[in-house]
Amino acid sequence: MSSRLEQLELLRSTARELRQADEFPTWLLSEFEAILEHPDRYTREAALLERLLAEIRDYDPYAGMGCFGGGTSTATIQATLREILQK
């Protein structure tokens, strides 16, 4: 597991990449960026943040749609985000 500072930098760089790629839903990106606005609130959620990063990196807009079985769906990412934000 990465250090707290490394994890925050990974979160920030991932958010930048998502904004630039313009393929990630903006409504999910807003929730993701809310974590970055107040990182101290989520210091106990390191494992969930690691999972979120993995899910976002594996994001596929077509996940769960018929023959496109790979990748992580928006529903999965949204569930993880809500789990983090509700703690």
N, C-alpha and C. Protein backbone atom coordinates (compact mmCIF):
# COMPACT_ATOMS: atom_id res chain seq x y z
N MET A 1 0.85 -1.18 0.00
CA MET A 1 0.00 0.00 0.00
C MET A 1 0.89 1.24 0.00
N SER A 2 0.49 2.25 -0.72
CA SER A 2 1.29 3.45 -0.83
C SER A 2 1.11 4.35 0.39
N SER A 3 2.06 5.27 0.57
CA SER A 3 1.96 6.21 1.68
C SER A 3 0.80 7.17 1.42
N ARG A 4 0.41 7.87 2.45
CA ARG A 4 -0.70 8.82 2.36
C ARG A 4 -0.43 9.89 1.30
N LEU A 5 0.78 10.44 1.28
CA LEU A 5 1.11 11.47 0.29
C LEU A 5 1.11 10.91 -1.12
N GLU A 6 1.64 9.70 -1.28
CA GLU A 6 1.64 9.07 -2.60
C GLU A 6 0.21 8.82 -3.07
N GLN A 7 -0.62 8.39 -2.15
CA GLN A 7 -2.01 8.10 -2.50
C GLN A 7 -2.73 9.38 -2.93
N LEU A 8 -2.52 10.47 -2.20
CA LEU A 8 -3.15 11.74 -2.58
C LEU A 8 -2.66 12.22 -3.94
N GLU A 9 -1.38 12.07 -4.20
CA GLU A 9 -0.85 12.48 -5.50
C GLU A 9 -1.43 11.61 -6.62
N LEU A 10 -1.58 10.32 -6.36
CA LEU A 10 -2.22 9.44 -7.34
C LEU A 10 -3.66 9.87 -7.61
N LEU A 11 -4.38 10.21 -6.56
CA LEU A 11 -5.75 10.69 -6.72
C LEU A 11 -5.79 11.96 -7.56
N ARG A 12 -4.90 12.89 -7.25
CA ARG A 12 -4.87 14.16 -8.00
C ARG A 12 -4.51 13.95 -9.46
N SER A 13 -3.49 13.14 -9.71
CA SER A 13 -3.08 12.92 -11.10
C SER A 13 -4.16 12.16 -11.87
N THR A 14 -4.83 11.25 -11.20
CA THR A 14 -5.92 10.53 -11.86
C THR A 14 -7.06 11.47 -12.20
N ALA A 15 -7.39 12.38 -11.30
CA ALA A 15 -8.44 13.36 -11.58
C ALA A 15 -8.06 14.24 -12.78
N ARG A 16 -6.80 14.66 -12.84
CA ARG A 16 -6.33 15.46 -13.99
C ARG A 16 -6.48 14.68 -15.29
N GLU A 17 -6.06 13.42 -15.26
CA GLU A 17 -6.15 12.58 -16.46
C GLU A 17 -7.60 12.40 -16.90
N LEU A 18 -8.49 12.22 -15.94
CA LEU A 18 -9.91 12.04 -16.27
C LEU A 18 -10.49 13.29 -16.90
N ARG A 19 -10.12 14.45 -16.36
CA ARG A 19 -10.61 15.71 -16.93
C ARG A 19 -10.12 15.87 -18.37
N GLN A 20 -8.86 15.54 -18.60
CA GLN A 20 -8.27 15.70 -19.93
C GLN A 20 -8.82 14.69 -20.93
N ALA A 21 -9.07 13.48 -20.49
CA ALA A 21 -9.54 12.42 -21.38
C ALA A 21 -10.97 12.68 -21.85
N ASP A 22 -11.76 13.32 -21.04
CA ASP A 22 -13.14 13.67 -21.38
C ASP A 22 -13.98 12.44 -21.73
N GLU A 23 -13.65 11.29 -21.16
CA GLU A 23 -14.44 10.08 -21.38
C GLU A 23 -15.14 9.63 -20.11
N PHE A 24 -14.76 10.20 -18.99
CA PHE A 24 -15.31 9.82 -17.70
C PHE A 24 -16.51 10.72 -17.41
N PRO A 25 -17.62 10.18 -16.92
CA PRO A 25 -18.80 11.02 -16.65
C PRO A 25 -18.49 12.15 -15.67
N THR A 26 -18.88 13.36 -16.04
CA THR A 26 -18.57 14.52 -15.20
C THR A 26 -19.23 14.44 -13.83
N TRP A 27 -20.41 13.83 -13.76
CA TRP A 27 -21.08 13.73 -12.47
C TRP A 27 -20.31 12.81 -11.52
N LEU A 28 -19.63 11.80 -12.05
CA LEU A 28 -18.79 10.95 -11.21
C LEU A 28 -17.49 11.66 -10.86
N LEU A 29 -16.96 12.39 -11.82
CA LEU A 29 -15.72 13.13 -11.58
C LEU A 29 -15.92 14.16 -10.47
N SER A 30 -17.07 14.79 -10.42
CA SER A 30 -17.36 15.76 -9.36
C SER A 30 -17.32 15.11 -7.98
N GLU A 31 -17.89 13.92 -7.88
CA GLU A 31 -17.87 13.21 -6.59
C GLU A 31 -16.44 12.81 -6.22
N PHE A 32 -15.69 12.37 -7.21
CA PHE A 32 -14.29 11.99 -6.99
C PHE A 32 -13.48 13.20 -6.52
N GLU A 33 -13.69 14.34 -7.16
CA GLU A 33 -12.95 15.55 -6.79
C GLU A 33 -13.35 16.07 -5.41
N ALA A 34 -14.56 15.75 -4.96
CA ALA A 34 -14.98 16.16 -3.61
C ALA A 34 -14.07 15.55 -2.55
N ILE A 35 -13.58 14.37 -2.81
CA ILE A 35 -12.64 13.71 -1.89
C ILE A 35 -11.34 14.51 -1.84
N LEU A 36 -10.90 15.00 -2.98
CA LEU A 36 -9.65 15.76 -3.04
C LEU A 36 -9.76 17.12 -2.36
N GLU A 37 -10.95 17.67 -2.29
CA GLU A 37 -11.14 18.96 -1.64
C GLU A 37 -10.94 18.87 -0.13
N HIS A 38 -11.21 17.71 0.45
CA HIS A 38 -11.10 17.51 1.89
C HIS A 38 -10.45 16.16 2.20
N PRO A 39 -9.21 15.97 1.79
CA PRO A 39 -8.58 14.65 1.96
C PRO A 39 -8.45 14.20 3.41
N ASP A 40 -8.38 15.13 4.34
CA ASP A 40 -8.23 14.75 5.75
C ASP A 40 -9.46 14.03 6.29
N ARG A 41 -10.60 14.25 5.67
CA ARG A 41 -11.82 13.56 6.10
C ARG A 41 -11.78 12.06 5.80
N TYR A 42 -10.90 11.68 4.88
CA TYR A 42 -10.92 10.30 4.39
C TYR A 42 -9.63 9.55 4.71
N THR A 43 -8.91 9.98 5.72
CA THR A 43 -7.64 9.33 6.06
C THR A 43 -7.83 7.87 6.48
N ARG A 44 -8.97 7.54 7.04
CA ARG A 44 -9.22 6.16 7.48
C ARG A 44 -9.74 5.28 6.35
N GLU A 45 -9.91 5.86 5.19
CA GLU A 45 -10.49 5.12 4.07
C GLU A 45 -9.44 4.71 3.05
N ALA A 46 -8.22 4.48 3.49
CA ALA A 46 -7.12 4.17 2.56
C ALA A 46 -7.43 2.97 1.67
N ALA A 47 -7.98 1.92 2.23
CA ALA A 47 -8.28 0.72 1.44
C ALA A 47 -9.36 1.02 0.39
N LEU A 48 -10.36 1.79 0.79
CA LEU A 48 -11.42 2.15 -0.17
C LEU A 48 -10.87 3.07 -1.27
N LEU A 49 -9.97 3.97 -0.90
CA LEU A 49 -9.38 4.85 -1.90
C LEU A 49 -8.53 4.07 -2.89
N GLU A 50 -7.81 3.07 -2.40
CA GLU A 50 -7.03 2.20 -3.29
C GLU A 50 -7.97 1.47 -4.26
N ARG A 51 -9.07 0.97 -3.72
CA ARG A 51 -10.05 0.27 -4.56
C ARG A 51 -10.64 1.22 -5.60
N LEU A 52 -10.96 2.45 -5.18
CA LEU A 52 -11.50 3.44 -6.10
C LEU A 52 -10.53 3.73 -7.24
N LEU A 53 -9.27 3.92 -6.91
CA LEU A 53 -8.27 4.17 -7.94
C LEU A 53 -8.19 3.01 -8.93
N ALA A 54 -8.21 1.80 -8.43
CA ALA A 54 -8.16 0.62 -9.30
C ALA A 54 -9.39 0.57 -10.21
N GLU A 55 -10.55 0.87 -9.64
CA GLU A 55 -11.78 0.85 -10.43
C GLU A 55 -11.77 1.93 -11.50
N ILE A 56 -11.30 3.12 -11.14
CA ILE A 56 -11.27 4.22 -12.11
C ILE A 56 -10.29 3.91 -13.24
N ARG A 57 -9.17 3.33 -12.90
CA ARG A 57 -8.20 2.98 -13.94
C ARG A 57 -8.73 1.89 -14.86
N ASP A 58 -9.64 1.07 -14.34
CA ASP A 58 -10.22 -0.02 -15.12
C ASP A 58 -11.56 0.39 -15.74
N TYR A 59 -11.91 1.66 -15.63
CA TYR A 59 -13.20 2.14 -16.13
C TYR A 59 -13.37 1.86 -17.62
N ASP A 60 -14.56 1.40 -17.95
CA ASP A 60 -14.93 1.17 -19.34
C ASP A 60 -16.37 1.63 -19.50
N PRO A 61 -16.60 2.63 -20.36
CA PRO A 61 -17.97 3.13 -20.52
C PRO A 61 -18.95 2.06 -21.01
N TYR A 62 -18.43 0.98 -21.57
CA TYR A 62 -19.30 -0.09 -22.08
C TYR A 62 -19.36 -1.30 -21.16
N ALA A 63 -18.78 -1.20 -19.98
CA ALA A 63 -18.78 -2.32 -19.03
C ALA A 63 -20.21 -2.71 -18.68
N GLY A 64 -20.44 -4.01 -18.68
CA GLY A 64 -21.76 -4.52 -18.32
C GLY A 64 -22.79 -4.46 -19.42
N MET A 65 -22.38 -4.09 -20.62
CA MET A 65 -23.33 -3.98 -21.73
C MET A 65 -23.12 -5.14 -22.70
N GLY A 66 -23.86 -6.17 -22.53
CA GLY A 66 -23.83 -7.28 -23.47
C GLY A 66 -22.47 -7.93 -23.59
N CYS A 67 -21.94 -7.93 -24.80
CA CYS A 67 -20.69 -8.65 -25.07
C CYS A 67 -19.46 -7.91 -24.55
N PHE A 68 -19.63 -6.67 -24.11
CA PHE A 68 -18.49 -5.91 -23.58
C PHE A 68 -18.41 -6.17 -22.08
N GLY A 69 -17.83 -7.29 -21.70
CA GLY A 69 -17.85 -7.70 -20.30
C GLY A 69 -16.72 -7.17 -19.45
N GLY A 70 -15.66 -6.65 -20.03
CA GLY A 70 -14.51 -6.21 -19.25
C GLY A 70 -14.69 -4.82 -18.69
N GLY A 71 -13.78 -4.45 -17.82
CA GLY A 71 -13.77 -3.10 -17.28
C GLY A 71 -14.71 -2.91 -16.11
N THR A 72 -14.63 -1.73 -15.54
CA THR A 72 -15.45 -1.36 -14.39
C THR A 72 -16.52 -0.38 -14.83
N SER A 73 -17.73 -0.59 -14.37
CA SER A 73 -18.86 0.25 -14.77
C SER A 73 -18.98 1.49 -13.89
N THR A 74 -19.76 2.44 -14.37
CA THR A 74 -20.03 3.64 -13.57
C THR A 74 -20.76 3.28 -12.29
N ALA A 75 -21.63 2.27 -12.33
CA ALA A 75 -22.37 1.87 -11.13
C ALA A 75 -21.43 1.37 -10.04
N THR A 76 -20.42 0.62 -10.42
CA THR A 76 -19.46 0.10 -9.44
C THR A 76 -18.66 1.25 -8.83
N ILE A 77 -18.20 2.16 -9.67
CA ILE A 77 -17.42 3.31 -9.19
C ILE A 77 -18.29 4.20 -8.30
N GLN A 78 -19.52 4.41 -8.71
CA GLN A 78 -20.42 5.24 -7.92
C GLN A 78 -20.67 4.62 -6.54
N ALA A 79 -20.82 3.31 -6.48
CA ALA A 79 -21.03 2.64 -5.20
C ALA A 79 -19.83 2.82 -4.28
N THR A 80 -18.63 2.72 -4.82
CA THR A 80 -17.42 2.91 -4.02
C THR A 80 -17.32 4.36 -3.56
N LEU A 81 -17.59 5.30 -4.45
CA LEU A 81 -17.56 6.72 -4.08
C LEU A 81 -18.54 7.00 -2.94
N ARG A 82 -19.73 6.48 -3.05
CA ARG A 82 -20.73 6.72 -2.00
C ARG A 82 -20.30 6.09 -0.68
N GLU A 83 -19.68 4.93 -0.76
CA GLU A 83 -19.20 4.28 0.46
C GLU A 83 -18.15 5.15 1.14
N ILE A 84 -17.27 5.75 0.36
CA ILE A 84 -16.23 6.62 0.91
C ILE A 84 -16.84 7.91 1.46
N LEU A 85 -17.69 8.54 0.68
CA LEU A 85 -18.25 9.84 1.06
C LEU A 85 -19.21 9.77 2.23
N GLN A 86 -19.81 8.62 2.47
CA GLN A 86 -20.76 8.50 3.57
C GLN A 86 -20.09 8.17 4.89
N LYS A 87 -18.82 7.93 4.90
CA LYS A 87 -18.13 7.58 6.15
C LYS A 87 -17.71 8.82 6.88
